[in-house]
Amino acid sequence: MCLGGLQDRVPLPRSMLDRMSGHAAAAFDERDEHGIRVRPALASDVPHIQRLIAPYVDRRILLGKENVALYGSIQQFRIAEGPDGVPIGCGALAVFWDDIAEVRTLALDGEWIHKRVGHRMLEALEHDARELGVARIFCLTFEVEFFAKHGYLEIGEQVVSPDVYAELVRSSDEGVAEFLDLARVKPNTLGNTRMLKIL
């Protein structure tokens, strides 16, 4: 399969073809011994995402998101379903540059914390990053111990080259601004730790 006109056809990578045809690694899509499965999000999941993030927004752990923003980025999300099919967790992977992405909006229903659902969600998002050819994953978090268990390390301010920084600073995405540690988002990031994992 190719994208583009007749003169400029570009072959798609095998991993992208597999995802488009539904043949990608389905280990996360299958239910585990507790009946949990992690799957790509659907547009109809937006009310569930809002429900899942609301307690974290109320405690100022996550920033709230408008429905329009969630619908516009739904393809970045994964959903963890409980045994009854009801969403119990969500998380997204936002690509910033050719080699870096951010895990964002990782949230679980309170009843499912400490039951390995978060680990499974993060592993699925890291799998997605590898499939996209991303080499590094960033997160801004209060949950330092959780991410450290998965190989994330605390980082300083400058983790991209000056040329890439000059490009990224033009982005209107708040997550990119947080990654760059820009002054305008400092109130959003107080108490959070900036972490990075090399895949």
N, C-alpha and C. Protein backbone atom coordinates (compact mmCIF):
# COMPACT_ATOMS: atom_id res chain seq x y z
N MET A 1 0.85 -1.17 0.00
CA MET A 1 0.00 0.00 0.00
C MET A 1 0.89 1.22 0.00
N CYS A 2 0.47 2.28 -0.70
CA CYS A 2 1.24 3.50 -0.81
C CYS A 2 0.33 4.70 -0.58
N LEU A 3 0.92 5.80 -0.17
CA LEU A 3 0.22 7.07 -0.06
C LEU A 3 0.75 8.00 -1.13
N GLY A 4 -0.09 8.91 -1.60
CA GLY A 4 0.36 9.90 -2.56
C GLY A 4 -0.19 9.65 -3.93
N GLY A 5 0.19 10.53 -4.86
CA GLY A 5 -0.25 10.43 -6.24
C GLY A 5 0.53 9.37 -6.98
N LEU A 6 0.22 9.22 -8.27
CA LEU A 6 0.88 8.19 -9.07
C LEU A 6 2.38 8.41 -9.15
N GLN A 7 2.82 9.69 -9.25
CA GLN A 7 4.25 9.95 -9.40
C GLN A 7 5.03 9.86 -8.09
N ASP A 8 4.36 10.09 -6.96
CA ASP A 8 5.12 10.16 -5.70
C ASP A 8 4.68 9.12 -4.68
N ARG A 9 4.47 7.91 -5.13
CA ARG A 9 4.06 6.85 -4.21
C ARG A 9 5.21 6.51 -3.26
N VAL A 10 4.88 6.45 -1.99
CA VAL A 10 5.86 6.12 -0.95
C VAL A 10 5.38 4.85 -0.26
N PRO A 11 6.18 3.78 -0.27
CA PRO A 11 5.73 2.57 0.41
C PRO A 11 5.63 2.80 1.92
N LEU A 12 4.58 2.27 2.51
CA LEU A 12 4.39 2.40 3.95
C LEU A 12 5.17 1.31 4.68
N PRO A 13 5.70 1.62 5.89
CA PRO A 13 6.41 0.61 6.67
C PRO A 13 5.48 -0.56 7.02
N ARG A 14 6.07 -1.74 7.14
CA ARG A 14 5.31 -2.95 7.46
C ARG A 14 4.48 -2.78 8.73
N SER A 15 5.06 -2.13 9.77
CA SER A 15 4.34 -1.96 11.03
C SER A 15 3.08 -1.11 10.84
N MET A 16 3.17 -0.10 9.98
CA MET A 16 2.00 0.73 9.72
C MET A 16 0.95 -0.05 8.94
N LEU A 17 1.38 -0.82 7.98
CA LEU A 17 0.44 -1.65 7.23
C LEU A 17 -0.26 -2.64 8.15
N ASP A 18 0.50 -3.24 9.07
CA ASP A 18 -0.09 -4.19 10.01
C ASP A 18 -1.15 -3.51 10.87
N ARG A 19 -0.83 -2.28 11.39
CA ARG A 19 -1.81 -1.58 12.22
C ARG A 19 -3.06 -1.24 11.42
N MET A 20 -2.87 -0.82 10.17
CA MET A 20 -4.01 -0.43 9.34
C MET A 20 -4.88 -1.63 9.01
N SER A 21 -4.27 -2.79 8.87
CA SER A 21 -5.04 -3.98 8.51
C SER A 21 -5.49 -4.79 9.73
N GLY A 22 -5.06 -4.35 10.93
CA GLY A 22 -5.48 -5.05 12.14
C GLY A 22 -4.61 -6.24 12.48
N HIS A 23 -3.45 -6.39 11.81
CA HIS A 23 -2.59 -7.54 12.06
C HIS A 23 -1.44 -7.24 13.02
N ALA A 24 -1.43 -6.06 13.62
CA ALA A 24 -0.34 -5.71 14.55
C ALA A 24 -0.41 -6.62 15.78
N ALA A 25 0.68 -6.63 16.52
CA ALA A 25 0.73 -7.45 17.74
C ALA A 25 -0.49 -7.17 18.60
N ALA A 26 -1.25 -8.20 18.89
CA ALA A 26 -2.51 -8.03 19.59
C ALA A 26 -2.44 -8.44 21.05
N ALA A 27 -1.25 -8.57 21.61
CA ALA A 27 -1.11 -9.03 22.98
C ALA A 27 -1.86 -8.14 23.96
N PHE A 28 -1.89 -6.83 23.72
CA PHE A 28 -2.55 -5.92 24.63
C PHE A 28 -4.07 -5.96 24.42
N ASP A 29 -4.48 -6.35 23.22
CA ASP A 29 -5.90 -6.42 22.90
C ASP A 29 -6.59 -7.62 23.54
N GLU A 30 -5.81 -8.62 23.91
CA GLU A 30 -6.38 -9.83 24.50
C GLU A 30 -6.58 -9.62 26.00
N ARG A 31 -7.60 -10.21 26.54
CA ARG A 31 -7.87 -10.10 27.98
C ARG A 31 -6.84 -10.92 28.76
N ASP A 32 -6.37 -10.35 29.87
CA ASP A 32 -5.42 -11.07 30.72
C ASP A 32 -6.17 -11.96 31.71
N GLU A 33 -5.44 -12.54 32.66
CA GLU A 33 -6.05 -13.47 33.61
C GLU A 33 -7.09 -12.79 34.51
N HIS A 34 -7.08 -11.44 34.56
CA HIS A 34 -8.06 -10.71 35.36
C HIS A 34 -9.20 -10.15 34.50
N GLY A 35 -9.18 -10.50 33.21
CA GLY A 35 -10.22 -10.02 32.30
C GLY A 35 -9.99 -8.62 31.76
N ILE A 36 -8.78 -8.08 31.95
CA ILE A 36 -8.45 -6.73 31.50
C ILE A 36 -7.87 -6.80 30.09
N ARG A 37 -8.27 -5.86 29.26
CA ARG A 37 -7.62 -5.73 27.96
C ARG A 37 -7.35 -4.26 27.68
N VAL A 38 -6.31 -3.98 26.91
CA VAL A 38 -5.95 -2.64 26.51
C VAL A 38 -6.12 -2.57 25.00
N ARG A 39 -6.88 -1.58 24.55
CA ARG A 39 -7.21 -1.47 23.14
C ARG A 39 -7.10 -0.02 22.69
N PRO A 40 -7.05 0.21 21.37
CA PRO A 40 -7.10 1.59 20.88
C PRO A 40 -8.43 2.23 21.27
N ALA A 41 -8.39 3.52 21.56
CA ALA A 41 -9.61 4.23 21.96
C ALA A 41 -10.51 4.47 20.75
N LEU A 42 -11.79 4.59 21.03
CA LEU A 42 -12.81 4.93 20.05
C LEU A 42 -13.36 6.32 20.38
N ALA A 43 -13.93 6.98 19.40
CA ALA A 43 -14.53 8.29 19.66
C ALA A 43 -15.57 8.20 20.78
N SER A 44 -16.28 7.10 20.85
CA SER A 44 -17.30 6.92 21.89
C SER A 44 -16.70 6.78 23.30
N ASP A 45 -15.37 6.69 23.40
CA ASP A 45 -14.71 6.60 24.71
C ASP A 45 -14.49 7.95 25.38
N VAL A 46 -14.69 9.05 24.66
CA VAL A 46 -14.39 10.37 25.23
C VAL A 46 -15.12 10.61 26.56
N PRO A 47 -16.42 10.31 26.69
CA PRO A 47 -17.04 10.50 28.02
C PRO A 47 -16.37 9.67 29.11
N HIS A 48 -15.89 8.48 28.77
CA HIS A 48 -15.19 7.64 29.75
C HIS A 48 -13.84 8.26 30.12
N ILE A 49 -13.14 8.80 29.12
CA ILE A 49 -11.86 9.46 29.40
C ILE A 49 -12.10 10.63 30.35
N GLN A 50 -13.13 11.43 30.09
CA GLN A 50 -13.45 12.55 30.98
C GLN A 50 -13.74 12.05 32.39
N ARG A 51 -14.50 10.96 32.51
CA ARG A 51 -14.81 10.39 33.83
C ARG A 51 -13.54 9.93 34.53
N LEU A 52 -12.63 9.29 33.78
CA LEU A 52 -11.41 8.76 34.38
C LEU A 52 -10.45 9.85 34.83
N ILE A 53 -10.35 10.93 34.06
CA ILE A 53 -9.39 11.98 34.42
C ILE A 53 -9.95 12.97 35.43
N ALA A 54 -11.29 13.04 35.59
CA ALA A 54 -11.90 14.04 36.47
C ALA A 54 -11.32 14.06 37.89
N PRO A 55 -11.16 12.91 38.57
CA PRO A 55 -10.59 12.98 39.93
C PRO A 55 -9.17 13.54 39.95
N TYR A 56 -8.41 13.28 38.91
CA TYR A 56 -7.02 13.77 38.84
C TYR A 56 -6.99 15.26 38.52
N VAL A 57 -7.95 15.71 37.72
CA VAL A 57 -8.08 17.14 37.43
C VAL A 57 -8.48 17.88 38.71
N ASP A 58 -9.44 17.31 39.43
CA ASP A 58 -9.89 17.93 40.69
C ASP A 58 -8.75 18.07 41.69
N ARG A 59 -7.82 17.11 41.70
CA ARG A 59 -6.67 17.16 42.62
C ARG A 59 -5.46 17.86 42.01
N ARG A 60 -5.64 18.44 40.83
CA ARG A 60 -4.59 19.20 40.11
C ARG A 60 -3.39 18.32 39.76
N ILE A 61 -3.65 17.04 39.53
CA ILE A 61 -2.60 16.13 39.09
C ILE A 61 -2.52 16.15 37.57
N LEU A 62 -3.67 16.23 36.91
CA LEU A 62 -3.75 16.36 35.45
C LEU A 62 -4.46 17.67 35.12
N LEU A 63 -4.14 18.20 33.94
CA LEU A 63 -4.88 19.35 33.44
C LEU A 63 -6.15 18.85 32.76
N GLY A 64 -7.24 19.58 32.95
CA GLY A 64 -8.48 19.21 32.28
C GLY A 64 -8.36 19.40 30.77
N LYS A 65 -9.15 18.66 30.05
CA LYS A 65 -9.17 18.76 28.59
C LYS A 65 -10.61 18.92 28.13
N GLU A 66 -10.81 19.78 27.17
CA GLU A 66 -12.12 19.97 26.57
C GLU A 66 -12.43 18.75 25.70
N ASN A 67 -13.71 18.44 25.56
CA ASN A 67 -14.10 17.32 24.71
C ASN A 67 -13.54 17.46 23.30
N VAL A 68 -13.57 18.67 22.76
CA VAL A 68 -13.09 18.86 21.39
C VAL A 68 -11.61 18.46 21.26
N ALA A 69 -10.81 18.72 22.29
CA ALA A 69 -9.40 18.32 22.27
C ALA A 69 -9.27 16.80 22.35
N LEU A 70 -10.10 16.16 23.15
CA LEU A 70 -10.04 14.70 23.26
C LEU A 70 -10.49 14.04 21.96
N TYR A 71 -11.57 14.53 21.36
CA TYR A 71 -12.00 13.95 20.07
C TYR A 71 -10.91 14.14 19.02
N GLY A 72 -10.26 15.31 19.03
CA GLY A 72 -9.22 15.59 18.05
C GLY A 72 -7.96 14.77 18.21
N SER A 73 -7.77 14.20 19.40
CA SER A 73 -6.56 13.40 19.64
C SER A 73 -6.89 11.96 19.99
N ILE A 74 -8.10 11.52 19.72
CA ILE A 74 -8.53 10.19 20.16
C ILE A 74 -7.64 9.08 19.61
N GLN A 75 -7.07 9.27 18.42
CA GLN A 75 -6.21 8.25 17.84
C GLN A 75 -4.92 8.06 18.64
N GLN A 76 -4.58 8.97 19.54
CA GLN A 76 -3.40 8.84 20.39
C GLN A 76 -3.67 8.00 21.63
N PHE A 77 -4.92 7.75 21.94
CA PHE A 77 -5.31 7.12 23.20
C PHE A 77 -5.42 5.61 23.12
N ARG A 78 -5.17 4.99 24.27
CA ARG A 78 -5.47 3.58 24.52
C ARG A 78 -6.42 3.54 25.71
N ILE A 79 -7.26 2.53 25.73
CA ILE A 79 -8.23 2.34 26.80
C ILE A 79 -8.01 0.97 27.43
N ALA A 80 -8.02 0.93 28.76
CA ALA A 80 -8.02 -0.35 29.48
C ALA A 80 -9.47 -0.64 29.84
N GLU A 81 -9.93 -1.82 29.46
CA GLU A 81 -11.29 -2.25 29.77
C GLU A 81 -11.27 -3.25 30.90
N GLY A 82 -12.23 -3.13 31.82
CA GLY A 82 -12.40 -4.12 32.87
C GLY A 82 -13.08 -5.36 32.32
N PRO A 83 -13.25 -6.38 33.15
CA PRO A 83 -13.86 -7.64 32.70
C PRO A 83 -15.26 -7.46 32.12
N ASP A 84 -15.97 -6.40 32.57
CA ASP A 84 -17.32 -6.16 32.07
C ASP A 84 -17.35 -5.27 30.83
N GLY A 85 -16.17 -4.89 30.30
CA GLY A 85 -16.09 -4.06 29.11
C GLY A 85 -16.12 -2.57 29.38
N VAL A 86 -16.26 -2.17 30.63
CA VAL A 86 -16.29 -0.74 30.98
C VAL A 86 -14.86 -0.22 31.07
N PRO A 87 -14.55 0.94 30.46
CA PRO A 87 -13.21 1.51 30.56
C PRO A 87 -12.81 1.81 32.00
N ILE A 88 -11.62 1.34 32.37
CA ILE A 88 -11.10 1.55 33.73
C ILE A 88 -9.78 2.31 33.71
N GLY A 89 -9.26 2.62 32.53
CA GLY A 89 -8.01 3.35 32.41
C GLY A 89 -7.87 3.94 31.03
N CYS A 90 -7.04 5.00 30.96
CA CYS A 90 -6.76 5.61 29.66
C CYS A 90 -5.34 6.16 29.68
N GLY A 91 -4.81 6.37 28.52
CA GLY A 91 -3.49 6.96 28.36
C GLY A 91 -3.28 7.29 26.91
N ALA A 92 -2.41 8.26 26.65
CA ALA A 92 -2.16 8.68 25.27
C ALA A 92 -0.66 8.79 25.01
N LEU A 93 -0.32 8.68 23.74
CA LEU A 93 1.05 8.86 23.29
C LEU A 93 1.03 9.95 22.23
N ALA A 94 1.69 11.07 22.53
CA ALA A 94 1.75 12.20 21.60
C ALA A 94 3.18 12.33 21.08
N VAL A 95 3.34 12.24 19.78
CA VAL A 95 4.67 12.35 19.16
C VAL A 95 5.01 13.83 19.01
N PHE A 96 6.21 14.21 19.49
CA PHE A 96 6.68 15.59 19.40
C PHE A 96 7.60 15.80 18.21
N TRP A 97 8.46 14.83 17.96
CA TRP A 97 9.50 14.97 16.94
C TRP A 97 9.80 13.59 16.40
N ASP A 98 10.76 13.46 15.51
CA ASP A 98 11.01 12.18 14.87
C ASP A 98 11.47 11.10 15.83
N ASP A 99 12.01 11.49 16.98
CA ASP A 99 12.52 10.48 17.91
C ASP A 99 12.00 10.63 19.33
N ILE A 100 10.99 11.48 19.54
CA ILE A 100 10.53 11.69 20.91
C ILE A 100 9.01 11.85 20.96
N ALA A 101 8.43 11.22 21.98
CA ALA A 101 6.99 11.30 22.22
C ALA A 101 6.76 11.46 23.71
N GLU A 102 5.51 11.78 24.07
CA GLU A 102 5.15 11.94 25.47
C GLU A 102 4.01 10.99 25.82
N VAL A 103 4.14 10.33 26.96
CA VAL A 103 3.01 9.62 27.56
C VAL A 103 2.24 10.69 28.32
N ARG A 104 0.95 10.80 28.02
CA ARG A 104 0.13 11.82 28.68
C ARG A 104 -1.25 11.28 29.02
N THR A 105 -1.90 11.96 29.92
CA THR A 105 -3.27 11.65 30.32
C THR A 105 -3.42 10.19 30.76
N LEU A 106 -2.43 9.68 31.48
CA LEU A 106 -2.49 8.32 32.01
C LEU A 106 -3.29 8.37 33.30
N ALA A 107 -4.45 7.72 33.29
CA ALA A 107 -5.35 7.77 34.45
C ALA A 107 -6.08 6.44 34.61
N LEU A 108 -6.31 6.08 35.86
CA LEU A 108 -7.01 4.83 36.18
C LEU A 108 -8.18 5.10 37.11
N ASP A 109 -9.21 4.28 36.98
CA ASP A 109 -10.28 4.27 37.96
C ASP A 109 -9.65 3.89 39.30
N GLY A 110 -10.00 4.59 40.36
CA GLY A 110 -9.39 4.39 41.68
C GLY A 110 -9.44 2.95 42.17
N GLU A 111 -10.46 2.21 41.80
CA GLU A 111 -10.58 0.82 42.24
C GLU A 111 -9.56 -0.10 41.58
N TRP A 112 -8.92 0.37 40.51
CA TRP A 112 -8.00 -0.48 39.76
C TRP A 112 -6.54 -0.10 39.96
N ILE A 113 -6.27 0.85 40.85
CA ILE A 113 -4.89 1.23 41.14
C ILE A 113 -4.23 0.08 41.93
N HIS A 114 -2.97 -0.18 41.66
CA HIS A 114 -2.17 -1.25 42.28
C HIS A 114 -2.63 -2.64 41.85
N LYS A 115 -3.22 -2.72 40.65
CA LYS A 115 -3.62 -4.03 40.13
C LYS A 115 -3.00 -4.27 38.75
N ARG A 116 -1.88 -3.58 38.48
CA ARG A 116 -1.07 -3.75 37.27
C ARG A 116 -1.71 -3.22 36.00
N VAL A 117 -2.84 -2.54 36.11
CA VAL A 117 -3.49 -1.97 34.93
C VAL A 117 -2.63 -0.84 34.37
N GLY A 118 -2.11 0.01 35.24
CA GLY A 118 -1.24 1.11 34.80
C GLY A 118 -0.01 0.60 34.09
N HIS A 119 0.57 -0.48 34.61
CA HIS A 119 1.75 -1.07 33.97
C HIS A 119 1.40 -1.54 32.56
N ARG A 120 0.26 -2.18 32.45
CA ARG A 120 -0.16 -2.70 31.15
C ARG A 120 -0.44 -1.56 30.16
N MET A 121 -1.06 -0.49 30.65
CA MET A 121 -1.31 0.69 29.80
C MET A 121 0.00 1.28 29.31
N LEU A 122 0.95 1.46 30.23
CA LEU A 122 2.23 2.06 29.85
C LEU A 122 2.97 1.17 28.86
N GLU A 123 2.96 -0.13 29.08
CA GLU A 123 3.61 -1.05 28.15
C GLU A 123 2.98 -0.97 26.75
N ALA A 124 1.66 -0.81 26.69
CA ALA A 124 0.99 -0.69 25.39
C ALA A 124 1.39 0.62 24.70
N LEU A 125 1.48 1.71 25.45
CA LEU A 125 1.89 2.99 24.87
C LEU A 125 3.34 2.94 24.40
N GLU A 126 4.20 2.27 25.16
CA GLU A 126 5.60 2.11 24.74
C GLU A 126 5.68 1.24 23.48
N HIS A 127 4.84 0.24 23.40
CA HIS A 127 4.76 -0.59 22.20
C HIS A 127 4.38 0.28 21.00
N ASP A 128 3.39 1.14 21.18
CA ASP A 128 2.97 2.04 20.10
C ASP A 128 4.12 2.94 19.67
N ALA A 129 4.89 3.44 20.64
CA ALA A 129 6.03 4.31 20.32
C ALA A 129 7.06 3.57 19.48
N ARG A 130 7.35 2.33 19.87
CA ARG A 130 8.31 1.54 19.08
C ARG A 130 7.79 1.32 17.66
N GLU A 131 6.49 1.04 17.53
CA GLU A 131 5.89 0.83 16.21
C GLU A 131 6.00 2.07 15.34
N LEU A 132 5.99 3.25 15.97
CA LEU A 132 6.10 4.51 15.24
C LEU A 132 7.55 4.91 15.00
N GLY A 133 8.49 4.13 15.52
CA GLY A 133 9.91 4.44 15.34
C GLY A 133 10.44 5.50 16.29
N VAL A 134 9.75 5.73 17.39
CA VAL A 134 10.17 6.72 18.38
C VAL A 134 11.19 6.08 19.31
N ALA A 135 12.28 6.79 19.58
CA ALA A 135 13.36 6.23 20.39
C ALA A 135 13.32 6.67 21.85
N ARG A 136 12.64 7.79 22.15
CA ARG A 136 12.61 8.31 23.52
C ARG A 136 11.18 8.69 23.89
N ILE A 137 10.83 8.43 25.15
CA ILE A 137 9.51 8.80 25.65
C ILE A 137 9.67 9.68 26.88
N PHE A 138 8.98 10.80 26.86
CA PHE A 138 8.98 11.78 27.94
C PHE A 138 7.70 11.64 28.75
N CYS A 139 7.77 11.96 30.03
CA CYS A 139 6.57 12.11 30.84
C CYS A 139 6.82 13.19 31.89
N LEU A 140 5.75 13.88 32.26
CA LEU A 140 5.76 14.86 33.33
C LEU A 140 4.83 14.30 34.38
N THR A 141 5.35 14.00 35.56
CA THR A 141 4.56 13.18 36.48
C THR A 141 4.82 13.48 37.94
N PHE A 142 3.82 13.15 38.76
CA PHE A 142 3.98 13.08 40.20
C PHE A 142 4.34 11.65 40.61
N GLU A 143 4.11 10.70 39.73
CA GLU A 143 4.29 9.27 40.01
C GLU A 143 5.70 8.80 39.63
N VAL A 144 6.69 9.39 40.25
CA VAL A 144 8.10 9.12 39.91
C VAL A 144 8.44 7.65 40.08
N GLU A 145 8.03 7.05 41.19
CA GLU A 145 8.37 5.65 41.46
C GLU A 145 7.79 4.72 40.39
N PHE A 146 6.55 4.95 39.99
CA PHE A 146 5.91 4.13 38.97
C PHE A 146 6.71 4.17 37.67
N PHE A 147 7.03 5.37 37.21
CA PHE A 147 7.76 5.48 35.94
C PHE A 147 9.19 4.99 36.07
N ALA A 148 9.82 5.20 37.22
CA ALA A 148 11.18 4.71 37.44
C ALA A 148 11.24 3.18 37.32
N LYS A 149 10.20 2.50 37.80
CA LYS A 149 10.15 1.03 37.67
C LYS A 149 10.14 0.58 36.21
N HIS A 150 9.73 1.48 35.34
CA HIS A 150 9.68 1.17 33.91
C HIS A 150 10.88 1.72 33.15
N GLY A 151 11.90 2.18 33.88
CA GLY A 151 13.12 2.62 33.22
C GLY A 151 13.19 4.09 32.87
N TYR A 152 12.28 4.90 33.38
CA TYR A 152 12.33 6.35 33.14
C TYR A 152 13.28 6.98 34.15
N LEU A 153 14.03 7.96 33.68
CA LEU A 153 15.00 8.66 34.52
C LEU A 153 14.66 10.15 34.55
N GLU A 154 14.93 10.79 35.68
CA GLU A 154 14.72 12.23 35.77
C GLU A 154 15.68 12.94 34.83
N ILE A 155 15.19 14.02 34.22
CA ILE A 155 16.02 14.74 33.24
C ILE A 155 16.13 16.21 33.62
N GLY A 156 17.15 16.85 33.03
CA GLY A 156 17.34 18.28 33.19
C GLY A 156 16.52 19.03 32.15
N GLU A 157 16.97 20.22 31.85
CA GLU A 157 16.18 21.07 30.96
C GLU A 157 16.41 20.80 29.49
N GLN A 158 17.64 20.58 29.06
CA GLN A 158 17.93 20.50 27.63
C GLN A 158 18.17 19.05 27.21
N VAL A 159 17.20 18.45 26.53
CA VAL A 159 17.35 17.07 26.08
C VAL A 159 17.23 16.94 24.56
N VAL A 160 17.13 18.08 23.87
CA VAL A 160 17.12 18.07 22.41
C VAL A 160 18.15 19.08 21.93
N SER A 161 18.57 18.94 20.69
CA SER A 161 19.56 19.86 20.13
C SER A 161 18.96 21.26 19.99
N PRO A 162 19.80 22.28 19.91
CA PRO A 162 19.28 23.65 19.74
C PRO A 162 18.41 23.81 18.49
N ASP A 163 18.74 23.11 17.41
CA ASP A 163 17.93 23.20 16.19
C ASP A 163 16.53 22.64 16.42
N VAL A 164 16.45 21.48 17.07
CA VAL A 164 15.15 20.88 17.35
C VAL A 164 14.38 21.74 18.35
N TYR A 165 15.06 22.26 19.36
CA TYR A 165 14.42 23.16 20.33
C TYR A 165 13.77 24.34 19.61
N ALA A 166 14.50 24.94 18.65
CA ALA A 166 13.98 26.09 17.91
C ALA A 166 12.71 25.73 17.14
N GLU A 167 12.61 24.50 16.67
CA GLU A 167 11.39 24.06 15.98
C GLU A 167 10.27 23.79 16.98
N LEU A 168 10.58 23.06 18.04
CA LEU A 168 9.57 22.68 19.02
C LEU A 168 8.96 23.89 19.74
N VAL A 169 9.75 24.92 19.98
CA VAL A 169 9.27 26.08 20.72
C VAL A 169 8.14 26.78 19.96
N ARG A 170 7.99 26.51 18.68
CA ARG A 170 6.92 27.09 17.87
C ARG A 170 5.58 26.39 18.06
N SER A 171 5.59 25.24 18.69
CA SER A 171 4.37 24.45 18.86
C SER A 171 3.41 25.13 19.83
N SER A 172 2.12 25.00 19.54
CA SER A 172 1.10 25.53 20.45
C SER A 172 0.66 24.46 21.46
N ASP A 173 1.18 23.25 21.35
CA ASP A 173 0.81 22.15 22.24
C ASP A 173 1.40 22.38 23.64
N GLU A 174 0.53 22.36 24.65
CA GLU A 174 0.98 22.57 26.03
C GLU A 174 1.97 21.50 26.48
N GLY A 175 1.78 20.26 26.02
CA GLY A 175 2.69 19.19 26.38
C GLY A 175 4.11 19.44 25.88
N VAL A 176 4.22 19.99 24.68
CA VAL A 176 5.54 20.34 24.13
C VAL A 176 6.16 21.44 24.98
N ALA A 177 5.36 22.44 25.35
CA ALA A 177 5.87 23.53 26.21
C ALA A 177 6.35 22.98 27.55
N GLU A 178 5.62 22.01 28.11
CA GLU A 178 6.03 21.40 29.37
C GLU A 178 7.32 20.60 29.19
N PHE A 179 7.43 19.89 28.06
CA PHE A 179 8.65 19.14 27.77
C PHE A 179 9.85 20.09 27.70
N LEU A 180 9.66 21.24 27.06
CA LEU A 180 10.74 22.22 26.92
C LEU A 180 10.96 23.02 28.21
N ASP A 181 10.06 22.86 29.18
CA ASP A 181 10.14 23.55 30.46
C ASP A 181 10.06 25.07 30.28
N LEU A 182 9.14 25.51 29.42
CA LEU A 182 8.97 26.93 29.14
C LEU A 182 8.32 27.64 30.33
N ALA A 183 8.70 28.88 30.53
CA ALA A 183 8.22 29.65 31.68
C ALA A 183 6.70 29.77 31.69
N ARG A 184 6.06 29.87 30.52
CA ARG A 184 4.62 30.10 30.47
C ARG A 184 3.81 28.93 31.03
N VAL A 185 4.42 27.74 31.14
CA VAL A 185 3.69 26.59 31.68
C VAL A 185 4.16 26.20 33.08
N LYS A 186 5.04 26.96 33.65
CA LYS A 186 5.56 26.63 34.99
C LYS A 186 4.44 26.41 36.02
N PRO A 187 3.36 27.24 36.03
CA PRO A 187 2.30 26.98 37.00
C PRO A 187 1.66 25.60 36.82
N ASN A 188 1.65 25.07 35.59
CA ASN A 188 1.07 23.75 35.33
C ASN A 188 1.96 22.62 35.82
N THR A 189 3.24 22.89 35.98
CA THR A 189 4.19 21.80 36.21
C THR A 189 4.76 21.78 37.63
N LEU A 190 4.31 22.67 38.49
CA LEU A 190 4.85 22.73 39.84
C LEU A 190 4.67 21.39 40.56
N GLY A 191 5.76 20.88 41.10
CA GLY A 191 5.73 19.63 41.83
C GLY A 191 5.88 18.39 40.96
N ASN A 192 5.79 18.55 39.65
CA ASN A 192 5.95 17.43 38.73
C ASN A 192 7.43 17.17 38.46
N THR A 193 7.73 15.96 38.07
CA THR A 193 9.09 15.58 37.71
C THR A 193 9.11 15.26 36.22
N ARG A 194 10.10 15.77 35.53
CA ARG A 194 10.30 15.51 34.11
C ARG A 194 11.15 14.27 33.98
N MET A 195 10.66 13.28 33.25
CA MET A 195 11.36 11.99 33.13
C MET A 195 11.42 11.57 31.66
N LEU A 196 12.40 10.73 31.36
CA LEU A 196 12.62 10.30 29.98
C LEU A 196 13.08 8.84 29.99
N LYS A 197 12.61 8.10 28.99
CA LYS A 197 13.06 6.72 28.81
C LYS A 197 13.58 6.57 27.40
N ILE A 198 14.72 5.89 27.27
CA ILE A 198 15.26 5.52 25.98
C ILE A 198 14.76 4.13 25.67
N LEU A 199 14.08 3.98 24.55
CA LEU A 199 13.53 2.65 24.18
C LEU A 199 14.60 1.78 23.56
